N, C-alpha and C. Protein backbone atom coordinates (compact mmCIF):
# COMPACT_ATOMS: atom_id res chain seq x y z
N MET A 1 0.84 -1.17 0.00
CA MET A 1 0.00 0.00 0.00
C MET A 1 0.90 1.24 0.00
N ARG A 2 0.47 2.23 -0.70
CA ARG A 2 1.24 3.47 -0.74
C ARG A 2 1.15 4.19 0.60
N PRO A 3 2.29 4.64 1.13
CA PRO A 3 2.29 5.28 2.46
C PRO A 3 1.39 6.52 2.52
N LEU A 4 1.37 7.34 1.47
CA LEU A 4 0.55 8.55 1.50
C LEU A 4 -0.93 8.19 1.55
N LEU A 5 -1.33 7.16 0.82
CA LEU A 5 -2.72 6.73 0.84
C LEU A 5 -3.13 6.32 2.25
N LYS A 6 -2.33 5.48 2.88
CA LYS A 6 -2.64 5.03 4.24
C LYS A 6 -2.66 6.21 5.20
N LYS A 7 -1.71 7.11 5.06
CA LYS A 7 -1.66 8.28 5.94
C LYS A 7 -2.93 9.12 5.81
N ASN A 8 -3.38 9.35 4.59
CA ASN A 8 -4.58 10.16 4.38
C ASN A 8 -5.84 9.47 4.90
N ILE A 9 -5.92 8.16 4.73
CA ILE A 9 -7.06 7.41 5.27
C ILE A 9 -7.06 7.48 6.79
N ASP A 10 -5.89 7.28 7.40
CA ASP A 10 -5.77 7.36 8.86
C ASP A 10 -6.16 8.76 9.35
N ARG A 11 -5.61 9.78 8.69
CA ARG A 11 -5.86 11.16 9.10
C ARG A 11 -7.35 11.52 8.99
N ALA A 12 -8.04 10.93 8.02
CA ALA A 12 -9.47 11.19 7.86
C ALA A 12 -10.32 10.38 8.84
N GLY A 13 -9.68 9.51 9.62
CA GLY A 13 -10.40 8.70 10.58
C GLY A 13 -11.22 7.59 9.94
N LEU A 14 -10.77 7.11 8.79
CA LEU A 14 -11.55 6.12 8.05
C LEU A 14 -10.90 4.73 8.00
N THR A 15 -9.90 4.51 8.82
CA THR A 15 -9.17 3.24 8.77
C THR A 15 -10.09 2.03 8.93
N ALA A 16 -11.05 2.12 9.81
CA ALA A 16 -11.96 0.99 10.06
C ALA A 16 -12.96 0.80 8.92
N GLN A 17 -13.21 1.83 8.11
CA GLN A 17 -14.21 1.75 7.05
C GLN A 17 -13.62 1.46 5.67
N VAL A 18 -12.32 1.63 5.51
CA VAL A 18 -11.70 1.53 4.18
C VAL A 18 -10.93 0.23 4.06
N GLN A 19 -11.20 -0.45 2.98
CA GLN A 19 -10.44 -1.66 2.65
C GLN A 19 -9.76 -1.40 1.32
N ILE A 20 -8.46 -1.55 1.26
CA ILE A 20 -7.69 -1.29 0.04
C ILE A 20 -7.33 -2.62 -0.60
N LYS A 21 -7.63 -2.73 -1.88
CA LYS A 21 -7.26 -3.91 -2.65
C LYS A 21 -6.32 -3.45 -3.76
N THR A 22 -5.25 -4.16 -3.94
CA THR A 22 -4.30 -3.81 -4.99
C THR A 22 -4.19 -4.98 -5.96
N GLY A 23 -3.94 -4.65 -7.20
CA GLY A 23 -3.79 -5.66 -8.23
C GLY A 23 -4.45 -5.19 -9.51
N LYS A 24 -4.59 -6.09 -10.44
CA LYS A 24 -5.20 -5.78 -11.72
C LYS A 24 -6.72 -5.67 -11.54
N ALA A 25 -7.26 -4.54 -11.94
CA ALA A 25 -8.68 -4.26 -11.70
C ALA A 25 -9.59 -5.32 -12.32
N LEU A 26 -9.26 -5.82 -13.50
CA LEU A 26 -10.12 -6.82 -14.13
C LEU A 26 -10.09 -8.16 -13.41
N ASP A 27 -9.14 -8.34 -12.49
CA ASP A 27 -9.14 -9.51 -11.62
C ASP A 27 -9.89 -9.23 -10.32
N ILE A 28 -9.75 -8.01 -9.82
CA ILE A 28 -10.35 -7.65 -8.53
C ILE A 28 -11.85 -7.38 -8.63
N LEU A 29 -12.30 -6.75 -9.70
CA LEU A 29 -13.72 -6.42 -9.82
C LEU A 29 -14.63 -7.65 -9.78
N PRO A 30 -14.31 -8.74 -10.49
CA PRO A 30 -15.16 -9.93 -10.35
C PRO A 30 -15.14 -10.50 -8.93
N GLN A 31 -14.01 -10.38 -8.25
CA GLN A 31 -13.92 -10.83 -6.86
C GLN A 31 -14.88 -10.03 -5.98
N LEU A 32 -14.92 -8.71 -6.21
CA LEU A 32 -15.83 -7.87 -5.43
C LEU A 32 -17.28 -8.31 -5.61
N VAL A 33 -17.66 -8.58 -6.86
CA VAL A 33 -19.02 -9.02 -7.14
C VAL A 33 -19.29 -10.36 -6.45
N SER A 34 -18.36 -11.30 -6.57
CA SER A 34 -18.57 -12.63 -5.97
C SER A 34 -18.60 -12.56 -4.44
N GLU A 35 -17.91 -11.57 -3.85
CA GLU A 35 -17.93 -11.39 -2.40
C GLU A 35 -19.18 -10.69 -1.92
N GLY A 36 -19.99 -10.20 -2.87
CA GLY A 36 -21.20 -9.47 -2.49
C GLY A 36 -20.93 -8.04 -2.08
N ALA A 37 -19.82 -7.50 -2.52
CA ALA A 37 -19.48 -6.10 -2.20
C ALA A 37 -20.47 -5.16 -2.87
N GLY A 38 -20.63 -4.00 -2.26
CA GLY A 38 -21.51 -3.00 -2.82
C GLY A 38 -22.93 -3.24 -2.37
N PRO A 39 -23.87 -2.51 -2.91
CA PRO A 39 -23.62 -1.52 -3.94
C PRO A 39 -22.92 -0.29 -3.36
N PHE A 40 -22.20 0.40 -4.24
CA PHE A 40 -21.45 1.58 -3.84
C PHE A 40 -22.21 2.84 -4.24
N ASP A 41 -22.02 3.90 -3.46
CA ASP A 41 -22.65 5.18 -3.76
C ASP A 41 -21.93 5.92 -4.87
N MET A 42 -20.61 5.73 -4.95
CA MET A 42 -19.81 6.40 -5.99
C MET A 42 -18.71 5.46 -6.43
N ILE A 43 -18.46 5.45 -7.72
CA ILE A 43 -17.38 4.64 -8.30
C ILE A 43 -16.58 5.55 -9.21
N PHE A 44 -15.26 5.58 -8.99
CA PHE A 44 -14.35 6.43 -9.77
C PHE A 44 -13.48 5.54 -10.63
N ILE A 45 -13.54 5.73 -11.94
CA ILE A 45 -12.74 4.95 -12.88
C ILE A 45 -11.61 5.84 -13.38
N ASP A 46 -10.38 5.45 -13.07
CA ASP A 46 -9.19 6.16 -13.54
C ASP A 46 -8.07 5.14 -13.60
N ALA A 47 -8.02 4.42 -14.69
CA ALA A 47 -7.06 3.32 -14.82
C ALA A 47 -6.59 3.25 -16.26
N ASP A 48 -6.00 2.12 -16.63
CA ASP A 48 -5.57 1.95 -18.02
C ASP A 48 -6.79 2.07 -18.92
N LYS A 49 -6.64 2.79 -20.01
CA LYS A 49 -7.79 3.18 -20.83
C LYS A 49 -8.35 2.07 -21.72
N PRO A 50 -7.56 1.17 -22.28
CA PRO A 50 -8.16 0.19 -23.20
C PRO A 50 -9.37 -0.56 -22.64
N PRO A 51 -9.38 -1.00 -21.35
CA PRO A 51 -10.57 -1.71 -20.86
C PRO A 51 -11.58 -0.81 -20.13
N TYR A 52 -11.63 0.48 -20.43
CA TYR A 52 -12.57 1.37 -19.74
C TYR A 52 -14.03 0.89 -19.87
N ALA A 53 -14.41 0.39 -21.03
CA ALA A 53 -15.79 -0.08 -21.21
C ALA A 53 -16.07 -1.25 -20.27
N GLU A 54 -15.09 -2.13 -20.10
CA GLU A 54 -15.26 -3.26 -19.19
C GLU A 54 -15.35 -2.78 -17.75
N TYR A 55 -14.54 -1.79 -17.39
CA TYR A 55 -14.63 -1.23 -16.03
C TYR A 55 -16.02 -0.66 -15.79
N PHE A 56 -16.57 0.00 -16.80
CA PHE A 56 -17.91 0.58 -16.67
C PHE A 56 -18.95 -0.53 -16.46
N GLN A 57 -18.84 -1.64 -17.19
CA GLN A 57 -19.77 -2.74 -17.01
C GLN A 57 -19.70 -3.30 -15.58
N TRP A 58 -18.48 -3.43 -15.06
CA TRP A 58 -18.33 -3.89 -13.67
C TRP A 58 -18.89 -2.86 -12.70
N ALA A 59 -18.67 -1.58 -12.99
CA ALA A 59 -19.21 -0.53 -12.12
C ALA A 59 -20.72 -0.63 -12.04
N LEU A 60 -21.36 -0.90 -13.16
CA LEU A 60 -22.82 -1.05 -13.15
C LEU A 60 -23.25 -2.22 -12.27
N ARG A 61 -22.49 -3.29 -12.30
CA ARG A 61 -22.83 -4.46 -11.47
C ARG A 61 -22.68 -4.16 -9.98
N LEU A 62 -21.84 -3.19 -9.66
CA LEU A 62 -21.58 -2.84 -8.26
C LEU A 62 -22.36 -1.60 -7.82
N SER A 63 -23.35 -1.23 -8.63
CA SER A 63 -24.11 0.00 -8.40
C SER A 63 -25.53 -0.30 -7.95
N ARG A 64 -26.23 0.77 -7.65
CA ARG A 64 -27.66 0.76 -7.34
C ARG A 64 -28.22 2.04 -7.92
N PRO A 65 -29.54 2.20 -8.01
CA PRO A 65 -30.08 3.48 -8.46
C PRO A 65 -29.55 4.62 -7.60
N GLY A 66 -29.05 5.64 -8.25
CA GLY A 66 -28.48 6.79 -7.55
C GLY A 66 -26.97 6.78 -7.48
N THR A 67 -26.33 5.65 -7.76
CA THR A 67 -24.87 5.60 -7.75
C THR A 67 -24.30 6.54 -8.80
N LEU A 68 -23.27 7.28 -8.42
CA LEU A 68 -22.56 8.16 -9.34
C LEU A 68 -21.31 7.42 -9.82
N ILE A 69 -21.18 7.30 -11.13
CA ILE A 69 -19.97 6.71 -11.73
C ILE A 69 -19.24 7.83 -12.44
N VAL A 70 -17.98 8.04 -12.06
CA VAL A 70 -17.15 9.08 -12.66
C VAL A 70 -15.99 8.39 -13.37
N ALA A 71 -15.78 8.76 -14.63
CA ALA A 71 -14.65 8.20 -15.39
C ALA A 71 -13.78 9.35 -15.87
N ASP A 72 -12.50 9.27 -15.56
CA ASP A 72 -11.55 10.33 -15.89
C ASP A 72 -10.90 10.07 -17.25
N ASN A 73 -10.45 11.15 -17.87
CA ASN A 73 -9.64 11.10 -19.10
C ASN A 73 -10.37 10.47 -20.28
N VAL A 74 -11.58 10.91 -20.57
CA VAL A 74 -12.37 10.31 -21.64
C VAL A 74 -12.38 11.11 -22.95
N ILE A 75 -11.69 12.25 -22.98
CA ILE A 75 -11.63 13.06 -24.19
C ILE A 75 -10.30 12.85 -24.93
N ARG A 76 -9.24 12.60 -24.18
CA ARG A 76 -7.91 12.31 -24.74
C ARG A 76 -7.43 13.40 -25.68
N ASP A 77 -7.49 14.65 -25.20
CA ASP A 77 -7.03 15.79 -25.99
C ASP A 77 -7.80 15.91 -27.31
N GLY A 78 -9.06 15.48 -27.30
CA GLY A 78 -9.91 15.54 -28.49
C GLY A 78 -9.67 14.42 -29.49
N LYS A 79 -8.73 13.54 -29.20
CA LYS A 79 -8.37 12.47 -30.14
C LYS A 79 -9.47 11.43 -30.30
N VAL A 80 -10.43 11.37 -29.38
CA VAL A 80 -11.49 10.36 -29.48
C VAL A 80 -12.36 10.57 -30.72
N ILE A 81 -12.38 11.77 -31.28
CA ILE A 81 -13.19 12.00 -32.48
C ILE A 81 -12.41 11.78 -33.77
N ASP A 82 -11.11 11.51 -33.66
CA ASP A 82 -10.28 11.22 -34.83
C ASP A 82 -10.33 9.72 -35.10
N GLU A 83 -11.16 9.32 -36.06
CA GLU A 83 -11.35 7.90 -36.34
C GLU A 83 -10.10 7.21 -36.87
N THR A 84 -9.10 7.98 -37.29
CA THR A 84 -7.85 7.38 -37.79
C THR A 84 -6.85 7.13 -36.67
N ASN A 85 -7.13 7.64 -35.48
CA ASN A 85 -6.22 7.46 -34.36
C ASN A 85 -6.29 6.03 -33.86
N THR A 86 -5.14 5.36 -33.81
CA THR A 86 -5.09 3.95 -33.41
C THR A 86 -4.47 3.74 -32.02
N ASP A 87 -4.24 4.80 -31.28
CA ASP A 87 -3.70 4.69 -29.93
C ASP A 87 -4.68 3.86 -29.09
N PRO A 88 -4.20 2.79 -28.42
CA PRO A 88 -5.10 1.96 -27.61
C PRO A 88 -5.84 2.73 -26.52
N ALA A 89 -5.19 3.73 -25.94
CA ALA A 89 -5.86 4.53 -24.89
C ALA A 89 -7.01 5.32 -25.50
N VAL A 90 -6.81 5.87 -26.67
CA VAL A 90 -7.87 6.61 -27.35
C VAL A 90 -9.00 5.66 -27.74
N GLY A 91 -8.64 4.49 -28.25
CA GLY A 91 -9.65 3.50 -28.61
C GLY A 91 -10.47 3.07 -27.41
N GLY A 92 -9.82 2.90 -26.27
CA GLY A 92 -10.54 2.52 -25.05
C GLY A 92 -11.50 3.60 -24.61
N ALA A 93 -11.06 4.85 -24.67
CA ALA A 93 -11.94 5.96 -24.30
C ALA A 93 -13.10 6.06 -25.30
N ARG A 94 -12.80 5.86 -26.57
CA ARG A 94 -13.84 5.92 -27.60
C ARG A 94 -14.90 4.83 -27.37
N ARG A 95 -14.46 3.60 -27.07
CA ARG A 95 -15.40 2.51 -26.80
C ARG A 95 -16.24 2.81 -25.55
N PHE A 96 -15.57 3.35 -24.52
CA PHE A 96 -16.29 3.71 -23.30
C PHE A 96 -17.36 4.75 -23.60
N ASN A 97 -16.98 5.80 -24.32
CA ASN A 97 -17.92 6.88 -24.63
C ASN A 97 -19.12 6.37 -25.42
N ALA A 98 -18.87 5.48 -26.38
CA ALA A 98 -19.97 4.91 -27.18
C ALA A 98 -20.89 4.07 -26.29
N MET A 99 -20.29 3.27 -25.40
CA MET A 99 -21.09 2.44 -24.51
C MET A 99 -21.91 3.32 -23.56
N LEU A 100 -21.29 4.36 -23.05
CA LEU A 100 -21.99 5.27 -22.13
C LEU A 100 -23.18 5.92 -22.84
N GLY A 101 -22.95 6.38 -24.07
CA GLY A 101 -24.01 7.04 -24.81
C GLY A 101 -25.18 6.13 -25.15
N ALA A 102 -24.90 4.85 -25.32
CA ALA A 102 -25.95 3.90 -25.69
C ALA A 102 -26.63 3.25 -24.49
N ASN A 103 -26.10 3.46 -23.31
CA ASN A 103 -26.59 2.76 -22.13
C ASN A 103 -27.83 3.45 -21.56
N THR A 104 -28.92 2.71 -21.47
CA THR A 104 -30.16 3.28 -20.94
C THR A 104 -30.30 3.12 -19.43
N ALA A 105 -29.31 2.48 -18.80
CA ALA A 105 -29.35 2.28 -17.34
C ALA A 105 -28.84 3.50 -16.59
N VAL A 106 -28.28 4.47 -17.32
CA VAL A 106 -27.70 5.65 -16.68
C VAL A 106 -28.15 6.91 -17.40
N THR A 107 -28.08 8.01 -16.67
CA THR A 107 -28.16 9.34 -17.27
C THR A 107 -26.75 9.88 -17.17
N ALA A 108 -26.20 10.34 -18.30
CA ALA A 108 -24.77 10.67 -18.30
C ALA A 108 -24.45 11.89 -19.14
N THR A 109 -23.29 12.46 -18.83
CA THR A 109 -22.74 13.54 -19.63
C THR A 109 -21.22 13.45 -19.55
N ILE A 110 -20.57 14.09 -20.51
CA ILE A 110 -19.11 14.20 -20.50
C ILE A 110 -18.79 15.69 -20.46
N LEU A 111 -17.93 16.06 -19.53
CA LEU A 111 -17.52 17.45 -19.38
C LEU A 111 -16.10 17.63 -19.89
N GLN A 112 -15.93 18.59 -20.78
CA GLN A 112 -14.60 18.93 -21.29
C GLN A 112 -13.85 19.72 -20.22
N MET A 113 -12.61 19.37 -20.01
CA MET A 113 -11.77 20.07 -19.03
C MET A 113 -10.54 20.61 -19.76
N VAL A 114 -10.11 21.79 -19.37
CA VAL A 114 -8.89 22.38 -19.91
C VAL A 114 -8.02 22.74 -18.73
N GLY A 115 -6.78 22.27 -18.76
CA GLY A 115 -5.92 22.56 -17.63
C GLY A 115 -4.55 21.96 -17.80
N VAL A 116 -3.96 21.60 -16.69
CA VAL A 116 -2.60 21.08 -16.65
C VAL A 116 -2.43 19.88 -17.57
N LYS A 117 -3.45 19.03 -17.64
CA LYS A 117 -3.37 17.81 -18.44
C LYS A 117 -3.88 18.05 -19.86
N GLU A 118 -3.68 19.25 -20.37
CA GLU A 118 -4.13 19.60 -21.72
C GLU A 118 -5.65 19.65 -21.78
N TYR A 119 -6.22 19.05 -22.83
CA TYR A 119 -7.65 19.06 -23.02
C TYR A 119 -8.17 17.65 -22.81
N ASP A 120 -8.81 17.45 -21.71
CA ASP A 120 -9.36 16.13 -21.43
C ASP A 120 -10.72 16.33 -20.78
N GLY A 121 -11.32 15.27 -20.34
CA GLY A 121 -12.63 15.41 -19.76
C GLY A 121 -12.97 14.27 -18.84
N ILE A 122 -14.11 14.46 -18.17
CA ILE A 122 -14.60 13.41 -17.28
C ILE A 122 -16.04 13.08 -17.67
N ALA A 123 -16.39 11.84 -17.48
CA ALA A 123 -17.77 11.40 -17.69
C ALA A 123 -18.43 11.28 -16.32
N LEU A 124 -19.66 11.73 -16.24
CA LEU A 124 -20.46 11.61 -15.03
C LEU A 124 -21.72 10.83 -15.41
N ALA A 125 -21.97 9.75 -14.71
CA ALA A 125 -23.15 8.93 -14.99
C ALA A 125 -23.85 8.62 -13.68
N VAL A 126 -25.15 8.80 -13.66
CA VAL A 126 -25.95 8.45 -12.49
C VAL A 126 -26.82 7.26 -12.89
N VAL A 127 -26.74 6.20 -12.09
CA VAL A 127 -27.49 4.99 -12.37
C VAL A 127 -28.98 5.25 -12.08
N LYS A 128 -29.82 4.87 -13.02
CA LYS A 128 -31.27 5.07 -12.89
C LYS A 128 -31.87 4.03 -11.96
């Protein structure tokens, strides 16, 4: 576990409420479902971009009506609209955005952000 993470959890007085799992998310998320974890009030997706759509599907399984799902870095400096771009991270964000737009289980939007990380954005989805 990262020392700063543990320090911040301790300082917030949440040590008894927080359980940290480390490893590959696509291995851990099915474990959470099989353990009966959740539903969660908020799920934040900020990981390797190629499997973002899969992370979103797992997030839905760990959600309930009213859960907020936030996904970071979904604009990729505007590259998601360039159909000739073959970067796997861009492709992952593009697949996620398409899945989000077609999903009737959520109400969602993507917000463009401009700042230190160039031009990127976040997706906000509320489970119906």
